[in-house]
Amino acid sequence: MSVVWLIIVGAAAGFLATRVMNVRTGVLETVAIGMAGALIGGLVLRFLIAVTGALAGLVGAVLGAMLVIWLWQTYFRR
């Protein structure tokens, strides 16, 4: 996956995850959350489900980003 594609998918996943979890962040935080979520979600989906395709990657990225947001709210924002 190229860096540009990772940023695009990360931005989309971060945007969707922050809206679903009702978190307001800046653009850089949203992209970073999405990229971390894409990494986590992509790895989890590839190892556990072995599903390929762009839609599966986006779903995994959104789920991973939601996990990152939950961890961030639980452990770093008090």
N, C-alpha and C. Protein backbone atom coordinates (compact mmCIF):
# COMPACT_ATOMS: atom_id res chain seq x y z
N MET A 1 0.86 -1.17 0.00
CA MET A 1 0.00 0.00 0.00
C MET A 1 0.90 1.23 0.00
N SER A 2 0.66 2.14 -0.91
CA SER A 2 1.49 3.33 -0.98
C SER A 2 1.13 4.29 0.16
N VAL A 3 2.01 5.21 0.42
CA VAL A 3 1.82 6.17 1.50
C VAL A 3 0.61 7.06 1.22
N VAL A 4 0.43 7.46 -0.02
CA VAL A 4 -0.71 8.31 -0.37
C VAL A 4 -2.01 7.57 -0.13
N TRP A 5 -2.07 6.31 -0.53
CA TRP A 5 -3.28 5.52 -0.31
C TRP A 5 -3.54 5.34 1.18
N LEU A 6 -2.50 5.13 1.97
CA LEU A 6 -2.64 4.99 3.41
C LEU A 6 -3.21 6.27 4.02
N ILE A 7 -2.75 7.43 3.56
CA ILE A 7 -3.26 8.70 4.08
C ILE A 7 -4.73 8.89 3.69
N ILE A 8 -5.08 8.54 2.45
CA ILE A 8 -6.47 8.69 2.01
C ILE A 8 -7.40 7.77 2.80
N VAL A 9 -7.03 6.51 2.90
CA VAL A 9 -7.85 5.55 3.66
C VAL A 9 -7.88 5.95 5.14
N GLY A 10 -6.73 6.38 5.67
CA GLY A 10 -6.68 6.82 7.06
C GLY A 10 -7.56 8.02 7.33
N ALA A 11 -7.57 8.97 6.42
CA ALA A 11 -8.43 10.14 6.58
C ALA A 11 -9.90 9.75 6.56
N ALA A 12 -10.27 8.88 5.63
CA ALA A 12 -11.66 8.43 5.53
C ALA A 12 -12.06 7.62 6.77
N ALA A 13 -11.19 6.71 7.18
CA ALA A 13 -11.49 5.87 8.35
C ALA A 13 -11.54 6.72 9.62
N GLY A 14 -10.60 7.62 9.77
CA GLY A 14 -10.59 8.49 10.94
C GLY A 14 -11.82 9.37 10.99
N PHE A 15 -12.22 9.92 9.84
CA PHE A 15 -13.42 10.75 9.78
C PHE A 15 -14.65 9.95 10.19
N LEU A 16 -14.81 8.76 9.60
CA LEU A 16 -15.97 7.93 9.94
C LEU A 16 -15.96 7.50 11.40
N ALA A 17 -14.80 7.09 11.89
CA ALA A 17 -14.70 6.62 13.28
C ALA A 17 -14.97 7.75 14.27
N THR A 18 -14.44 8.95 14.00
CA THR A 18 -14.68 10.05 14.93
C THR A 18 -16.14 10.48 14.91
N ARG A 19 -16.81 10.36 13.77
CA ARG A 19 -18.23 10.71 13.71
C ARG A 19 -19.08 9.66 14.42
N VAL A 20 -18.76 8.38 14.22
CA VAL A 20 -19.52 7.31 14.86
C VAL A 20 -19.37 7.39 16.38
N MET A 21 -18.16 7.70 16.86
CA MET A 21 -17.91 7.74 18.29
C MET A 21 -18.09 9.14 18.87
N ASN A 22 -18.55 10.10 18.06
CA ASN A 22 -18.86 11.46 18.48
C ASN A 22 -17.67 12.13 19.17
N VAL A 23 -16.54 12.12 18.48
CA VAL A 23 -15.32 12.74 18.98
C VAL A 23 -14.94 13.85 18.00
N ARG A 24 -14.62 15.03 18.52
CA ARG A 24 -14.21 16.14 17.67
C ARG A 24 -12.70 16.29 17.76
N THR A 25 -12.01 16.08 16.65
CA THR A 25 -10.57 16.21 16.60
C THR A 25 -10.19 17.07 15.40
N GLY A 26 -8.93 17.48 15.37
CA GLY A 26 -8.42 18.23 14.25
C GLY A 26 -8.11 17.30 13.08
N VAL A 27 -7.73 17.90 11.97
CA VAL A 27 -7.47 17.13 10.76
C VAL A 27 -6.31 16.16 10.96
N LEU A 28 -5.21 16.63 11.52
CA LEU A 28 -4.04 15.75 11.71
C LEU A 28 -4.35 14.62 12.67
N GLU A 29 -5.06 14.92 13.77
CA GLU A 29 -5.42 13.85 14.72
C GLU A 29 -6.34 12.84 14.06
N THR A 30 -7.29 13.32 13.26
CA THR A 30 -8.23 12.42 12.58
C THR A 30 -7.50 11.50 11.62
N VAL A 31 -6.57 12.05 10.84
CA VAL A 31 -5.80 11.23 9.90
C VAL A 31 -4.92 10.24 10.67
N ALA A 32 -4.28 10.69 11.75
CA ALA A 32 -3.42 9.81 12.54
C ALA A 32 -4.22 8.68 13.16
N ILE A 33 -5.40 9.01 13.69
CA ILE A 33 -6.27 7.97 14.27
C ILE A 33 -6.67 6.98 13.18
N GLY A 34 -7.03 7.50 12.02
CA GLY A 34 -7.43 6.62 10.92
C GLY A 34 -6.30 5.75 10.43
N MET A 35 -5.09 6.32 10.35
CA MET A 35 -3.94 5.52 9.90
C MET A 35 -3.60 4.44 10.91
N ALA A 36 -3.64 4.77 12.18
CA ALA A 36 -3.40 3.76 13.22
C ALA A 36 -4.49 2.70 13.17
N GLY A 37 -5.72 3.14 12.99
CA GLY A 37 -6.83 2.20 12.86
C GLY A 37 -6.71 1.32 11.63
N ALA A 38 -6.24 1.91 10.53
CA ALA A 38 -6.05 1.14 9.31
C ALA A 38 -5.00 0.07 9.51
N LEU A 39 -3.93 0.42 10.20
CA LEU A 39 -2.89 -0.56 10.47
C LEU A 39 -3.40 -1.68 11.35
N ILE A 40 -4.03 -1.32 12.46
CA ILE A 40 -4.56 -2.33 13.38
C ILE A 40 -5.66 -3.16 12.73
N GLY A 41 -6.64 -2.47 12.16
CA GLY A 41 -7.77 -3.17 11.54
C GLY A 41 -7.35 -4.03 10.37
N GLY A 42 -6.42 -3.52 9.56
CA GLY A 42 -5.95 -4.29 8.42
C GLY A 42 -5.25 -5.57 8.84
N LEU A 43 -4.41 -5.45 9.86
CA LEU A 43 -3.72 -6.64 10.36
C LEU A 43 -4.69 -7.65 10.95
N VAL A 44 -5.63 -7.16 11.74
CA VAL A 44 -6.61 -8.06 12.36
C VAL A 44 -7.44 -8.76 11.31
N LEU A 45 -7.94 -8.00 10.32
CA LEU A 45 -8.75 -8.63 9.29
C LEU A 45 -7.96 -9.61 8.44
N ARG A 46 -6.74 -9.28 8.14
CA ARG A 46 -5.94 -10.20 7.31
C ARG A 46 -5.63 -11.49 8.04
N PHE A 47 -5.31 -11.38 9.32
CA PHE A 47 -4.94 -12.59 10.07
C PHE A 47 -6.16 -13.39 10.51
N LEU A 48 -7.23 -12.76 10.92
CA LEU A 48 -8.37 -13.49 11.46
C LEU A 48 -9.38 -13.92 10.40
N ILE A 49 -9.66 -13.06 9.47
CA ILE A 49 -10.72 -13.34 8.51
C ILE A 49 -10.18 -13.68 7.13
N ALA A 50 -9.00 -13.19 6.81
CA ALA A 50 -8.36 -13.39 5.51
C ALA A 50 -9.24 -12.88 4.37
N VAL A 51 -9.80 -11.70 4.57
CA VAL A 51 -10.65 -11.07 3.56
C VAL A 51 -9.82 -10.03 2.82
N THR A 52 -9.94 -10.00 1.51
CA THR A 52 -9.21 -9.02 0.73
C THR A 52 -10.19 -8.08 0.05
N GLY A 53 -9.69 -6.97 -0.43
CA GLY A 53 -10.50 -6.01 -1.15
C GLY A 53 -10.52 -4.66 -0.45
N ALA A 54 -10.82 -3.63 -1.20
CA ALA A 54 -10.80 -2.26 -0.67
C ALA A 54 -11.88 -2.04 0.38
N LEU A 55 -13.07 -2.59 0.16
CA LEU A 55 -14.16 -2.38 1.12
C LEU A 55 -13.84 -3.04 2.45
N ALA A 56 -13.28 -4.23 2.43
CA ALA A 56 -12.90 -4.91 3.66
C ALA A 56 -11.81 -4.12 4.38
N GLY A 57 -10.88 -3.54 3.63
CA GLY A 57 -9.83 -2.72 4.22
C GLY A 57 -10.39 -1.49 4.89
N LEU A 58 -11.40 -0.85 4.26
CA LEU A 58 -12.02 0.34 4.85
C LEU A 58 -12.78 -0.04 6.11
N VAL A 59 -13.51 -1.14 6.09
CA VAL A 59 -14.23 -1.59 7.28
C VAL A 59 -13.26 -1.87 8.41
N GLY A 60 -12.18 -2.56 8.10
CA GLY A 60 -11.16 -2.85 9.11
C GLY A 60 -10.52 -1.59 9.64
N ALA A 61 -10.28 -0.62 8.75
CA ALA A 61 -9.67 0.63 9.16
C ALA A 61 -10.60 1.41 10.09
N VAL A 62 -11.89 1.45 9.79
CA VAL A 62 -12.85 2.14 10.65
C VAL A 62 -12.93 1.46 12.01
N LEU A 63 -13.00 0.13 12.03
CA LEU A 63 -13.05 -0.59 13.30
C LEU A 63 -11.77 -0.38 14.10
N GLY A 64 -10.64 -0.41 13.44
CA GLY A 64 -9.37 -0.16 14.11
C GLY A 64 -9.29 1.26 14.66
N ALA A 65 -9.77 2.23 13.87
CA ALA A 65 -9.77 3.62 14.33
C ALA A 65 -10.69 3.80 15.53
N MET A 66 -11.82 3.12 15.53
CA MET A 66 -12.72 3.18 16.68
C MET A 66 -12.04 2.61 17.92
N LEU A 67 -11.26 1.55 17.76
CA LEU A 67 -10.51 0.98 18.87
C LEU A 67 -9.48 1.98 19.38
N VAL A 68 -8.78 2.66 18.47
CA VAL A 68 -7.79 3.66 18.87
C VAL A 68 -8.46 4.80 19.63
N ILE A 69 -9.63 5.25 19.16
CA ILE A 69 -10.35 6.32 19.86
C ILE A 69 -10.75 5.87 21.26
N TRP A 70 -11.26 4.65 21.36
CA TRP A 70 -11.67 4.16 22.67
C TRP A 70 -10.47 4.08 23.62
N LEU A 71 -9.34 3.56 23.13
CA LEU A 71 -8.14 3.49 23.96
C LEU A 71 -7.67 4.89 24.35
N TRP A 72 -7.72 5.82 23.41
CA TRP A 72 -7.29 7.20 23.66
C TRP A 72 -8.17 7.85 24.72
N GLN A 73 -9.50 7.67 24.60
CA GLN A 73 -10.41 8.25 25.59
C GLN A 73 -10.26 7.58 26.94
N THR A 74 -10.02 6.30 26.96
CA THR A 74 -9.93 5.55 28.21
C THR A 74 -8.64 5.84 28.96
N TYR A 75 -7.52 5.91 28.27
CA TYR A 75 -6.24 5.97 28.94
C TYR A 75 -5.51 7.30 28.87
N PHE A 76 -5.80 8.14 27.90
CA PHE A 76 -5.01 9.35 27.74
C PHE A 76 -5.79 10.64 27.98
N ARG A 77 -7.08 10.64 27.90
CA ARG A 77 -7.88 11.84 28.11
C ARG A 77 -8.71 11.67 29.36
N ARG A 78 -8.28 12.29 30.40
CA ARG A 78 -9.06 12.23 31.66
C ARG A 78 -9.29 13.59 32.17
